[in-house]
Amino acid sequence: MSYSHPQLKLLLLLAALFLAGLGVREWRMGFPDAAERLERFDREDPPPPIPPAPRLRAAPRWAAAARPEAPAPPRAVPPPRARAPATPPVPIADPRPLDLNRASAEEISRLPGVGPSLARRIVEERDRRGRFESADGLRGILGMGPKKLAALREHVTVGE
């Protein structure tokens, strides 16, 4: 069966739209934080305005002449303080493995190598697809590579 020239143009246009949709879906899966920010872009309330700083008025000249000035004692300049480097919170070590089907995002984020955003994606995947059958169910989550999954196997379990 042969298609006419306008029909071929329409088929090519539909194929291009389909491929563009696939590209957008892949981008959204690869960059979920950026996609969420883009969705909230025009819905966010602007931050409240910062109030202006109060203006300081100078004391009248007669007030300075009314009281005698006492000589100021010499001030010692304190040495500059060294700031301690910020250390990330240490995950709480629990000897029992964590149940992936019951744990909250906060509990999952305490696992070694798992941050809050990865923990949130794990919980979202569990809510979307249902309970995990094994730790291998984490394999399809963005940010969960084979090394991280191997390191987490001894710290997680899947309950009923």
Protein backbone atom coordinates (compact mmCIF):
# COMPACT_ATOMS: atom_id res chain seq x y z
CA MET A 1 0.00 0.00 0.00
CA SER A 2 1.40 3.34 -1.01
CA TYR A 3 0.81 6.60 0.85
CA SER A 4 0.23 9.95 -0.83
CA HIS A 5 2.60 12.87 -0.22
CA PRO A 6 0.32 14.65 2.37
CA GLN A 7 -0.19 11.36 4.20
CA LEU A 8 3.58 10.80 4.41
CA LYS A 9 4.05 14.32 5.81
CA LEU A 10 1.40 13.63 8.46
CA LEU A 11 3.00 10.29 9.40
CA LEU A 12 6.42 11.93 9.72
CA LEU A 13 4.94 14.71 11.86
CA LEU A 14 3.27 12.16 14.16
CA ALA A 15 6.50 10.17 14.44
CA ALA A 16 8.44 13.35 15.31
CA LEU A 17 5.88 14.25 18.00
CA PHE A 18 6.08 10.74 19.42
CA LEU A 19 9.89 10.89 19.58
CA ALA A 20 9.77 14.35 21.18
CA GLY A 21 7.38 12.98 23.83
CA LEU A 22 9.76 10.10 24.54
CA GLY A 23 12.62 12.56 24.85
CA VAL A 24 10.70 14.71 27.33
CA ARG A 25 9.78 11.64 29.38
CA GLU A 26 13.40 10.49 29.52
CA TRP A 27 14.56 13.97 30.53
CA ARG A 28 11.95 14.11 33.31
CA MET A 29 13.10 10.69 34.60
CA GLY A 30 16.76 11.76 34.45
CA PHE A 31 16.30 15.12 36.15
CA PRO A 32 13.29 14.84 38.51
CA ASP A 33 14.28 17.85 40.63
CA ALA A 34 14.57 20.13 37.61
CA ALA A 35 11.25 18.86 36.23
CA GLU A 36 9.54 19.54 39.55
CA ARG A 37 10.98 23.07 39.70
CA LEU A 38 9.81 23.68 36.14
CA GLU A 39 6.29 22.53 37.00
CA ARG A 40 6.15 24.82 40.05
CA PHE A 41 7.72 27.77 38.22
CA ASP A 42 4.63 29.90 37.67
CA ARG A 43 2.74 28.62 40.72
CA GLU A 44 5.17 29.67 43.41
CA ASP A 45 4.34 32.68 45.52
CA PRO A 46 6.96 35.41 45.40
CA PRO A 47 9.00 35.74 48.58
CA PRO A 48 7.77 38.38 51.02
CA PRO A 49 9.41 41.78 50.56
CA ILE A 50 12.27 42.61 52.86
CA PRO A 51 11.35 45.55 55.10
CA PRO A 52 13.68 48.52 54.83
CA ALA A 53 16.24 48.96 57.59
CA PRO A 54 15.33 51.60 60.16
CA ARG A 55 17.11 54.89 59.68
CA LEU A 56 19.37 55.97 62.48
CA ARG A 57 19.23 59.59 63.49
CA ALA A 58 22.32 61.36 64.72
CA ALA A 59 22.23 62.71 68.27
CA PRO A 60 21.83 66.49 68.52
CA ARG A 61 25.03 68.45 68.95
CA TRP A 62 23.95 69.85 72.30
CA ALA A 63 23.62 66.28 73.72
CA ALA A 64 27.28 65.57 73.02
CA ALA A 65 28.39 68.80 74.69
CA ALA A 66 26.28 68.21 77.82
CA ARG A 67 28.09 65.10 78.97
CA PRO A 68 31.85 64.91 79.34
CA GLU A 69 33.66 62.36 77.25
CA ALA A 70 35.59 59.76 79.17
CA PRO A 71 38.65 58.37 77.48
CA ALA A 72 37.91 55.00 76.02
CA PRO A 73 40.04 52.16 77.34
CA PRO A 74 42.27 50.55 74.74
CA ARG A 75 40.65 47.50 73.21
CA ALA A 76 42.46 44.30 72.59
CA VAL A 77 41.76 42.91 69.17
CA PRO A 78 40.67 39.30 69.52
CA PRO A 79 42.42 36.83 67.23
CA PRO A 80 40.30 35.63 64.33
CA ARG A 81 38.44 32.47 65.14
CA ALA A 82 39.01 29.40 63.05
CA ARG A 83 35.73 27.94 61.89
CA ALA A 84 35.30 24.25 62.30
CA PRO A 85 34.48 22.52 59.03
CA ALA A 86 30.88 21.44 58.75
CA THR A 87 30.58 17.70 59.12
CA PRO A 88 27.63 15.82 57.70
CA PRO A 89 25.46 14.00 60.25
CA VAL A 90 26.64 10.51 60.95
CA PRO A 91 24.02 7.90 60.04
CA ILE A 92 22.67 6.02 63.01
CA ALA A 93 24.04 2.50 62.95
CA ASP A 94 21.30 -0.04 63.57
CA PRO A 95 22.29 -3.70 63.64
CA ARG A 96 18.89 -4.78 62.27
CA PRO A 97 18.29 -4.53 58.51
CA LEU A 98 15.76 -1.91 57.41
CA ASP A 99 12.49 -3.12 55.86
CA LEU A 100 12.12 -1.31 52.51
CA ASN A 101 8.37 -1.93 52.39
CA ARG A 102 7.69 -0.18 55.71
CA ALA A 103 10.47 2.40 56.10
CA SER A 104 9.89 6.11 55.69
CA ALA A 105 12.07 8.36 53.54
CA GLU A 106 13.85 9.64 56.67
CA GLU A 107 14.74 6.12 57.76
CA ILE A 108 15.95 5.16 54.29
CA SER A 109 18.09 8.29 54.07
CA ARG A 110 20.07 7.07 57.11
CA LEU A 111 21.41 4.15 55.08
CA PRO A 112 25.02 4.53 53.92
CA GLY A 113 25.27 6.22 50.53
CA VAL A 114 21.58 7.17 50.42
CA GLY A 115 20.66 10.84 50.58
CA PRO A 116 17.25 12.45 51.07
CA SER A 117 16.48 12.72 47.35
CA LEU A 118 17.32 9.06 46.64
CA ALA A 119 15.28 8.00 49.69
CA ARG A 120 12.35 10.04 48.37
CA ARG A 121 12.63 8.33 44.97
CA ILE A 122 12.68 4.89 46.65
CA VAL A 123 9.48 5.68 48.57
CA GLU A 124 7.83 7.13 45.44
CA GLU A 125 8.73 3.98 43.48
CA ARG A 126 7.30 1.80 46.26
CA ASP A 127 4.08 3.86 46.28
CA ARG A 128 3.84 3.73 42.49
CA ARG A 129 4.59 0.03 41.86
CA GLY A 130 3.68 -1.60 45.17
CA ARG A 131 5.86 -3.50 47.59
CA PHE A 132 9.38 -4.61 46.76
CA GLU A 133 9.81 -8.37 46.27
CA SER A 134 13.57 -8.22 46.85
CA ALA A 135 16.40 -5.71 47.16
CA ASP A 136 16.86 -6.08 43.39
CA GLY A 137 13.66 -4.04 43.00
CA LEU A 138 15.79 -0.98 43.75
CA ARG A 139 17.76 -1.54 40.55
CA GLY A 140 15.39 0.54 38.38
CA ILE A 141 15.54 3.64 40.57
CA LEU A 142 17.52 6.57 39.23
CA GLY A 143 20.74 6.98 41.22
CA MET A 144 20.88 3.37 42.36
CA GLY A 145 23.81 1.77 40.60
CA PRO A 146 25.16 -1.76 41.02
CA LYS A 147 27.85 -0.72 43.52
CA LYS A 148 25.43 1.18 45.74
CA LEU A 149 22.92 -1.69 45.56
CA ALA A 150 25.63 -4.19 46.54
CA ALA A 151 26.61 -2.00 49.51
CA LEU A 152 22.97 -1.73 50.66
CA ARG A 153 22.07 -5.44 50.43
CA GLU A 154 23.29 -6.22 53.97
CA HIS A 155 21.45 -3.20 55.43
CA VAL A 156 17.99 -3.77 53.88
CA THR A 157 15.36 -6.46 53.82
CA VAL A 158 11.89 -6.77 52.32
CA GLY A 159 9.14 -7.80 54.71
CA GLU A 160 5.67 -9.00 53.95
